[in-house]
Amino acid sequence: MPLDLRELPAPLDGELVEKLRRVDFPTLGHYLEEGFCDPLLQRQAGTDRIVGRAVTVRITATDSTMLHHAAGLVGPGDVVVVDCGGDRRHAPLGEVVVNALASRGAAGVVVDGLCTDIDALRALALPVYAYGRTALTTKLHGIADGSLCAPVVCGGVPVQAGDIVLGDANGVVIASAARLAAVVEEALDDDAEEPALVAQLWQGKPLGSLTGATETLQRLG
């Protein structure tokens, strides 16, 4: 495929971002089926939750030239999402690239592949999601293939530049702003009700009676 360089996406809606910062991401799993990355794609460094704008990058298996270019363009709150073309041997992401992203205020990075320099990454604390770690790195070959801010696939999820990336210790969710806006209010309501539900469980109330599951089974029987 030829090079495909596009403009950075529009900024995210600040009000929606603030709501997403307050929601428990697994609560969104009660309302969404799509957008959840492969559970093997896990946080390798950092402890902060991510809510940010997806800046998509596609590279070849061995050449990280496009990623180095993109690292100089991102801004505060951006999350770089890297499609490695299915490669699981080379690490395009290490100490230098992650420092470049952190120095520009990026919120994190998600790579559909591997990372390296794990001790340095953990010391820096920028959230980094990957399938694992390796000492074999990509090179700057300058191959005329790759993209910036074009559609990619990461963790089995199709990603558009400008989508919203959510990440915590459970994993990564990537979805459009419109899709998340449609469910975030209901999810926040659920989060607000959960402490009372847990308290009732400790008072001896059966979970099925509280959620309606028992009544549903009785009706079905």
Protein backbone atom coordinates (compact mmCIF):
# COMPACT_ATOMS: atom_id res chain seq x y z
CA MET A 1 0.00 0.00 0.00
CA PRO A 2 1.26 3.53 -0.71
CA LEU A 3 1.85 6.20 1.91
CA ASP A 4 -1.33 7.82 3.21
CA LEU A 5 -0.81 10.97 5.30
CA ARG A 6 -3.92 12.78 6.51
CA GLU A 7 -4.66 15.73 8.76
CA LEU A 8 -5.09 15.31 12.52
CA PRO A 9 -8.73 14.83 13.57
CA ALA A 10 -10.91 17.49 15.18
CA PRO A 11 -10.67 17.98 18.96
CA LEU A 12 -12.95 15.93 21.19
CA ASP A 13 -16.00 17.42 22.88
CA GLY A 14 -14.84 18.52 26.32
CA GLU A 15 -18.13 17.78 28.06
CA LEU A 16 -18.19 14.20 26.76
CA VAL A 17 -14.56 13.70 27.80
CA GLU A 18 -15.34 14.80 31.35
CA LYS A 19 -18.27 12.39 31.57
CA LEU A 20 -16.08 9.55 30.32
CA ARG A 21 -13.43 10.41 32.90
CA ARG A 22 -16.06 9.78 35.60
CA VAL A 23 -17.53 6.55 34.27
CA ASP A 24 -16.28 3.09 35.22
CA PHE A 25 -15.23 1.68 31.85
CA PRO A 26 -16.50 -1.88 32.52
CA THR A 27 -19.95 -0.37 33.08
CA LEU A 28 -19.92 0.53 29.39
CA GLY A 29 -19.72 -3.20 28.75
CA HIS A 30 -23.32 -3.47 29.93
CA TYR A 31 -24.40 -1.37 26.94
CA LEU A 32 -21.82 -1.95 24.21
CA GLU A 33 -20.60 -5.06 22.43
CA GLU A 34 -18.28 -3.49 19.88
CA GLY A 35 -15.10 -1.50 20.53
CA PHE A 36 -13.49 -3.75 23.14
CA CYS A 37 -9.94 -4.65 22.16
CA ASP A 38 -8.55 -8.16 22.44
CA PRO A 39 -8.18 -8.83 26.20
CA LEU A 40 -4.60 -9.99 25.58
CA LEU A 41 -3.76 -6.39 24.67
CA GLN A 42 -2.83 -5.23 28.17
CA ARG A 43 -1.24 -2.28 29.93
CA GLN A 44 2.52 -2.77 30.13
CA ALA A 45 3.43 0.57 31.74
CA GLY A 46 1.72 3.45 33.53
CA THR A 47 -1.16 3.41 35.97
CA ASP A 48 -3.38 6.31 34.88
CA ARG A 49 -6.66 5.76 33.09
CA ILE A 50 -6.83 6.99 29.50
CA VAL A 51 -9.52 9.10 27.89
CA GLY A 52 -8.17 10.58 24.68
CA ARG A 53 -8.40 11.26 20.96
CA ALA A 54 -7.13 8.48 18.69
CA VAL A 55 -4.28 9.44 16.37
CA THR A 56 -3.93 6.41 14.13
CA VAL A 57 -0.64 5.17 12.67
CA ARG A 58 -0.02 2.21 10.40
CA ILE A 59 3.51 0.87 9.95
CA THR A 60 5.07 -2.13 8.28
CA ALA A 61 6.38 -5.02 10.34
CA THR A 62 9.98 -3.75 10.49
CA ASP A 63 9.82 -0.02 9.71
CA SER A 64 8.75 2.59 12.30
CA THR A 65 9.49 5.69 10.19
CA MET A 66 5.82 6.72 10.18
CA LEU A 67 5.57 6.38 13.96
CA HIS A 68 8.59 8.62 14.48
CA HIS A 69 6.95 11.22 12.24
CA ALA A 70 3.64 10.99 14.09
CA ALA A 71 5.33 11.32 17.48
CA GLY A 72 6.25 14.90 16.62
CA LEU A 73 2.68 15.87 15.74
CA VAL A 74 0.57 14.69 18.66
CA GLY A 75 -0.69 17.03 21.36
CA PRO A 76 -2.09 16.97 24.88
CA GLY A 77 -4.65 14.24 25.43
CA ASP A 78 -3.89 12.33 22.24
CA VAL A 79 -3.58 8.55 22.24
CA VAL A 80 -1.45 7.08 19.47
CA VAL A 81 -2.96 3.86 18.11
CA VAL A 82 -0.43 1.81 16.13
CA ASP A 83 -1.35 -0.87 13.59
CA CYS A 84 1.73 -3.05 12.94
CA GLY A 85 0.17 -5.02 10.12
CA GLY A 86 -0.19 -8.10 12.28
CA ASP A 87 3.49 -8.30 13.28
CA ARG A 88 4.15 -9.85 16.71
CA ARG A 89 7.97 -10.00 16.58
CA HIS A 90 9.24 -6.42 16.38
CA ALA A 91 8.73 -3.61 18.90
CA PRO A 92 8.09 -0.20 17.30
CA LEU A 93 7.64 1.33 20.73
CA GLY A 94 10.45 1.92 23.21
CA GLU A 95 12.09 4.52 25.44
CA VAL A 96 12.74 7.18 22.78
CA VAL A 97 9.31 7.08 21.11
CA VAL A 98 7.45 7.04 24.42
CA ASN A 99 9.51 9.98 25.70
CA ALA A 100 8.68 11.83 22.49
CA LEU A 101 4.97 11.23 23.07
CA ALA A 102 5.09 12.11 26.77
CA SER A 103 7.00 15.32 26.10
CA ARG A 104 4.15 16.51 23.89
CA GLY A 105 1.47 15.71 26.46
CA ALA A 106 0.09 12.54 24.92
CA ALA A 107 -2.30 10.59 27.15
CA GLY A 108 -1.00 7.19 26.13
CA VAL A 109 -0.23 4.77 23.32
CA VAL A 110 -1.82 1.51 22.18
CA VAL A 111 0.21 -0.74 19.89
CA ASP A 112 -1.21 -3.76 18.11
CA GLY A 113 2.11 -5.47 18.68
CA LEU A 114 4.98 -5.35 21.14
CA CYS A 115 7.01 -2.82 23.10
CA THR A 116 10.55 -2.74 24.45
CA ASP A 117 12.66 -0.90 27.09
CA ILE A 118 10.03 -1.86 29.64
CA ASP A 119 11.94 -0.59 32.69
CA ALA A 120 12.32 2.86 31.12
CA LEU A 121 8.66 2.86 30.06
CA ARG A 122 7.51 2.03 33.56
CA ALA A 123 9.72 4.73 35.04
CA LEU A 124 8.20 7.28 32.64
CA ALA A 125 4.67 6.11 33.60
CA LEU A 126 2.90 7.03 30.34
CA PRO A 127 0.20 4.38 29.83
CA VAL A 128 1.42 1.89 27.22
CA TYR A 129 -0.74 -0.97 25.96
CA ALA A 130 0.78 -3.82 23.98
CA TYR A 131 0.62 -7.58 23.56
CA GLY A 132 3.95 -8.04 25.31
CA ARG A 133 7.64 -7.19 25.22
CA THR A 134 10.67 -8.06 23.12
CA ALA A 135 14.25 -6.93 22.51
CA LEU A 136 13.83 -7.08 18.73
CA THR A 137 13.02 -3.60 17.46
CA THR A 138 11.84 -1.98 14.25
CA LYS A 139 14.24 0.11 12.17
CA LEU A 140 14.05 3.36 10.21
CA HIS A 141 14.07 1.76 6.77
CA GLY A 142 12.01 4.50 5.16
CA ILE A 143 9.75 2.05 3.34
CA ALA A 144 7.12 3.80 1.20
CA ASP A 145 4.24 2.17 3.02
CA GLY A 146 2.19 3.27 6.03
CA SER A 147 -0.40 5.81 7.07
CA LEU A 148 -1.19 8.62 9.48
CA CYS A 149 -4.76 9.33 10.61
CA ALA A 150 -6.21 6.77 8.20
CA PRO A 151 -8.37 3.84 9.36
CA VAL A 152 -6.47 1.06 11.15
CA VAL A 153 -7.19 -2.08 13.16
CA CYS A 154 -5.95 -2.47 16.72
CA GLY A 155 -6.74 -5.36 19.04
CA GLY A 156 -9.27 -6.58 16.49
CA VAL A 157 -11.17 -3.28 16.60
CA PRO A 158 -11.51 -0.98 13.55
CA VAL A 159 -10.29 2.47 14.55
CA GLN A 160 -10.83 5.84 12.91
CA ALA A 161 -8.70 8.88 13.69
CA GLY A 162 -10.72 10.97 16.14
CA ASP A 163 -12.33 8.00 17.87
CA ILE A 164 -12.15 7.99 21.67
CA VAL A 165 -9.69 5.66 23.36
CA LEU A 166 -10.50 4.49 26.89
CA GLY A 167 -7.95 2.48 28.83
CA ASP A 168 -7.56 1.18 32.38
CA ALA A 169 -6.25 -1.92 34.14
CA ASN A 170 -9.00 -3.99 32.50
CA GLY A 171 -8.00 -3.22 28.93
CA VAL A 172 -8.85 -0.86 26.06
CA VAL A 173 -12.11 0.34 24.51
CA ILE A 174 -12.09 2.35 21.28
CA ALA A 175 -15.31 3.78 19.86
CA SER A 176 -16.71 6.81 18.12
CA ALA A 177 -17.73 9.82 20.16
CA ALA A 178 -21.34 9.38 19.01
CA ARG A 179 -21.46 5.75 20.17
CA LEU A 180 -20.08 6.57 23.60
CA ALA A 181 -22.27 9.65 23.99
CA ALA A 182 -25.32 7.45 23.45
CA VAL A 183 -24.59 5.28 26.51
CA VAL A 184 -22.48 7.33 28.93
CA GLU A 185 -25.38 8.90 30.86
CA GLU A 186 -26.98 5.51 31.55
CA ALA A 187 -23.61 4.10 32.56
CA LEU A 188 -23.04 6.98 34.99
CA ASP A 189 -26.45 6.33 36.51
CA ASP A 190 -25.52 2.69 36.98
CA ASP A 191 -22.27 3.65 38.68
CA ALA A 192 -24.16 5.95 41.05
CA GLU A 193 -26.55 3.14 42.03
CA GLU A 194 -23.94 0.43 42.50
CA PRO A 195 -22.81 1.27 46.08
CA ALA A 196 -26.38 0.88 47.34
CA LEU A 197 -26.73 -2.42 45.49
CA VAL A 198 -23.51 -3.76 47.03
CA ALA A 199 -24.67 -2.63 50.48
CA GLN A 200 -27.91 -4.61 50.05
CA LEU A 201 -25.91 -7.71 49.16
CA TRP A 202 -24.02 -7.45 52.44
CA GLN A 203 -27.35 -7.07 54.22
CA GLY A 204 -28.28 -10.54 52.95
CA LYS A 205 -30.40 -9.69 49.90
CA PRO A 206 -30.02 -12.24 47.03
CA LEU A 207 -28.45 -10.77 43.90
CA GLY A 208 -31.08 -12.31 41.63
CA SER A 209 -33.92 -10.64 43.51
CA LEU A 210 -32.22 -7.26 43.34
CA THR A 211 -31.46 -7.40 39.63
CA GLY A 212 -34.67 -9.13 38.56
CA ALA A 213 -32.84 -12.22 37.31
CA THR A 214 -34.71 -14.55 39.64
CA GLU A 215 -38.09 -13.17 38.62
CA THR A 216 -37.11 -13.52 34.96
CA LEU A 217 -36.22 -17.20 35.41
CA GLN A 218 -39.45 -17.87 37.27
CA ARG A 219 -41.43 -16.28 34.47
CA LEU A 220 -39.53 -18.27 31.83
CA GLY A 221 -40.09 -21.51 33.78
